[in-house]
Amino acid sequence: MQSILGVNRNPTVHLTMPIKKIVSGVDFVLGTLSHFDHFDKAVTLALGDSIKMYIQPADSVAYTN
């Protein structure tokens, strides 16, 4: 996916391990921004429903499936 400014593709670095391993052991996610290139459908699927999200109330629509 292209970044919001069209400068970089996301992810901007090569992931050195599978996403499942990266999110293994994560207790919660702190969402500070609701831009579509910060939190997209792939992230939603990778995190699943079991990881708690903490977000600003105004962003609650942007962070739902």
N, C-alpha and C. Protein backbone atom coordinates (compact mmCIF):
# COMPACT_ATOMS: atom_id res chain seq x y z
N MET A 1 0.85 -1.18 0.00
CA MET A 1 0.00 0.00 0.00
C MET A 1 0.89 1.24 0.00
N GLN A 2 0.49 2.26 -0.72
CA GLN A 2 1.22 3.52 -0.77
C GLN A 2 0.91 4.34 0.49
N SER A 3 1.90 5.04 1.03
CA SER A 3 1.69 5.86 2.22
C SER A 3 0.76 7.02 1.89
N ILE A 4 0.23 7.65 2.91
CA ILE A 4 -0.74 8.74 2.76
C ILE A 4 -0.16 9.89 1.93
N LEU A 5 1.13 10.14 2.05
CA LEU A 5 1.77 11.22 1.28
C LEU A 5 2.27 10.74 -0.08
N GLY A 6 2.15 9.45 -0.34
CA GLY A 6 2.61 8.91 -1.60
C GLY A 6 4.12 8.80 -1.71
N VAL A 7 4.82 8.87 -0.58
CA VAL A 7 6.28 8.85 -0.56
C VAL A 7 6.82 7.43 -0.44
N ASN A 8 6.26 6.65 0.46
CA ASN A 8 6.76 5.30 0.74
C ASN A 8 5.64 4.28 0.59
N ARG A 9 6.06 3.04 0.40
CA ARG A 9 5.12 1.93 0.45
C ARG A 9 5.13 1.36 1.87
N ASN A 10 4.01 0.87 2.33
CA ASN A 10 3.91 0.28 3.66
C ASN A 10 3.89 -1.23 3.56
N PRO A 11 4.59 -1.95 4.40
CA PRO A 11 5.50 -1.43 5.42
C PRO A 11 6.74 -0.81 4.78
N THR A 12 7.33 0.13 5.49
CA THR A 12 8.49 0.86 4.94
C THR A 12 9.79 0.10 5.12
N VAL A 13 9.77 -0.96 5.91
CA VAL A 13 10.95 -1.82 6.08
C VAL A 13 10.53 -3.26 5.86
N HIS A 14 11.49 -4.10 5.51
CA HIS A 14 11.23 -5.53 5.33
C HIS A 14 10.99 -6.17 6.70
N LEU A 15 9.90 -6.90 6.83
CA LEU A 15 9.62 -7.60 8.08
C LEU A 15 10.52 -8.84 8.14
N THR A 16 11.26 -8.97 9.22
CA THR A 16 12.23 -10.05 9.34
C THR A 16 11.65 -11.32 9.95
N MET A 17 10.39 -11.29 10.29
CA MET A 17 9.73 -12.48 10.85
C MET A 17 8.25 -12.41 10.48
N PRO A 18 7.55 -13.52 10.57
CA PRO A 18 6.12 -13.53 10.23
C PRO A 18 5.31 -12.62 11.17
N ILE A 19 4.25 -12.05 10.64
CA ILE A 19 3.40 -11.15 11.43
C ILE A 19 2.87 -11.85 12.67
N LYS A 20 2.49 -13.12 12.54
CA LYS A 20 1.99 -13.88 13.70
C LYS A 20 3.00 -13.86 14.85
N LYS A 21 4.28 -13.97 14.52
CA LYS A 21 5.32 -13.95 15.56
C LYS A 21 5.47 -12.54 16.14
N ILE A 22 5.33 -11.53 15.29
CA ILE A 22 5.46 -10.14 15.75
C ILE A 22 4.38 -9.80 16.77
N VAL A 23 3.15 -10.22 16.51
CA VAL A 23 2.04 -9.88 17.41
C VAL A 23 1.88 -10.86 18.56
N SER A 24 2.62 -11.96 18.53
CA SER A 24 2.56 -12.93 19.62
C SER A 24 3.00 -12.27 20.92
N GLY A 25 2.18 -12.37 21.94
CA GLY A 25 2.51 -11.80 23.24
C GLY A 25 2.12 -10.34 23.40
N VAL A 26 1.54 -9.73 22.37
CA VAL A 26 1.09 -8.33 22.48
C VAL A 26 -0.16 -8.30 23.36
N ASP A 27 -0.14 -7.46 24.37
CA ASP A 27 -1.28 -7.34 25.29
C ASP A 27 -2.31 -6.32 24.82
N PHE A 28 -1.83 -5.23 24.21
CA PHE A 28 -2.74 -4.20 23.73
C PHE A 28 -2.06 -3.35 22.66
N VAL A 29 -2.88 -2.60 21.93
CA VAL A 29 -2.38 -1.68 20.91
C VAL A 29 -2.89 -0.29 21.26
N LEU A 30 -2.00 0.68 21.24
CA LEU A 30 -2.36 2.07 21.47
C LEU A 30 -2.45 2.75 20.11
N GLY A 31 -3.66 3.04 19.67
CA GLY A 31 -3.88 3.69 18.37
C GLY A 31 -3.88 5.19 18.54
N THR A 32 -2.92 5.87 17.95
CA THR A 32 -2.80 7.32 18.10
C THR A 32 -3.23 8.08 16.86
N LEU A 33 -3.47 7.37 15.78
CA LEU A 33 -3.78 8.00 14.50
C LEU A 33 -4.69 7.08 13.71
N SER A 34 -5.68 7.61 13.04
CA SER A 34 -6.60 6.75 12.29
C SER A 34 -6.42 6.86 10.78
N HIS A 35 -5.25 7.30 10.31
CA HIS A 35 -5.01 7.30 8.86
C HIS A 35 -5.06 5.86 8.35
N PHE A 36 -5.63 5.68 7.17
CA PHE A 36 -5.76 4.32 6.63
C PHE A 36 -4.43 3.65 6.39
N ASP A 37 -3.35 4.41 6.25
CA ASP A 37 -2.05 3.77 6.02
C ASP A 37 -1.31 3.47 7.31
N HIS A 38 -1.90 3.81 8.44
CA HIS A 38 -1.32 3.47 9.74
C HIS A 38 -1.98 2.22 10.31
N PHE A 39 -3.24 2.04 9.96
CA PHE A 39 -4.00 0.92 10.49
C PHE A 39 -4.96 0.46 9.40
N ASP A 40 -4.57 -0.55 8.65
CA ASP A 40 -5.38 -0.99 7.52
C ASP A 40 -6.00 -2.36 7.80
N LYS A 41 -6.68 -2.88 6.81
CA LYS A 41 -7.38 -4.16 6.95
C LYS A 41 -6.41 -5.29 7.30
N ALA A 42 -5.21 -5.26 6.73
CA ALA A 42 -4.22 -6.31 7.03
C ALA A 42 -3.86 -6.32 8.51
N VAL A 43 -3.72 -5.15 9.11
CA VAL A 43 -3.42 -5.06 10.54
C VAL A 43 -4.59 -5.58 11.36
N THR A 44 -5.79 -5.21 10.97
CA THR A 44 -6.98 -5.67 11.68
C THR A 44 -7.03 -7.20 11.69
N LEU A 45 -6.75 -7.81 10.55
CA LEU A 45 -6.76 -9.28 10.46
C LEU A 45 -5.63 -9.90 11.26
N ALA A 46 -4.45 -9.29 11.22
CA ALA A 46 -3.29 -9.83 11.94
C ALA A 46 -3.49 -9.78 13.45
N LEU A 47 -4.10 -8.71 13.94
CA LEU A 47 -4.30 -8.57 15.38
C LEU A 47 -5.45 -9.42 15.89
N GLY A 48 -6.47 -9.59 15.08
CA GLY A 48 -7.63 -10.38 15.51
C GLY A 48 -8.46 -9.63 16.54
N ASP A 49 -9.38 -10.34 17.14
CA ASP A 49 -10.31 -9.74 18.11
C ASP A 49 -9.84 -9.85 19.55
N SER A 50 -8.77 -10.58 19.80
CA SER A 50 -8.37 -10.84 21.18
C SER A 50 -7.46 -9.76 21.77
N ILE A 51 -6.88 -8.91 20.94
CA ILE A 51 -5.97 -7.88 21.43
C ILE A 51 -6.75 -6.59 21.69
N LYS A 52 -6.61 -6.08 22.88
CA LYS A 52 -7.32 -4.87 23.31
C LYS A 52 -6.76 -3.65 22.59
N MET A 53 -7.65 -2.75 22.14
CA MET A 53 -7.26 -1.51 21.47
C MET A 53 -7.62 -0.32 22.37
N TYR A 54 -6.69 0.60 22.52
CA TYR A 54 -6.94 1.85 23.23
C TYR A 54 -6.81 2.97 22.20
N ILE A 55 -7.90 3.72 22.02
CA ILE A 55 -7.95 4.76 21.00
C ILE A 55 -8.70 5.99 21.52
N GLN A 56 -8.60 7.08 20.78
CA GLN A 56 -9.39 8.28 21.08
C GLN A 56 -10.84 7.98 20.71
N PRO A 57 -11.82 8.45 21.49
CA PRO A 57 -13.22 8.20 21.17
C PRO A 57 -13.60 8.62 19.74
N ALA A 58 -13.03 9.70 19.26
CA ALA A 58 -13.36 10.19 17.91
C ALA A 58 -12.90 9.22 16.82
N ASP A 59 -11.94 8.35 17.13
CA ASP A 59 -11.42 7.41 16.15
C ASP A 59 -12.10 6.05 16.20
N SER A 60 -13.10 5.87 17.03
CA SER A 60 -13.69 4.56 17.22
C SER A 60 -14.25 3.98 15.92
N VAL A 61 -14.72 4.80 15.02
CA VAL A 61 -15.24 4.30 13.75
C VAL A 61 -14.10 3.83 12.85
N ALA A 62 -12.99 4.53 12.85
CA ALA A 62 -11.85 4.20 11.97
C ALA A 62 -11.19 2.88 12.36
N TYR A 63 -11.27 2.48 13.61
CA TYR A 63 -10.58 1.28 14.06
C TYR A 63 -11.48 0.07 14.18
N THR A 64 -12.63 0.09 13.57
CA THR A 64 -13.52 -1.08 13.60
C THR A 64 -13.39 -1.85 12.31
N ASN A 65 -13.75 -3.11 12.35
CA ASN A 65 -13.67 -3.96 11.14
C ASN A 65 -14.68 -3.53 10.12
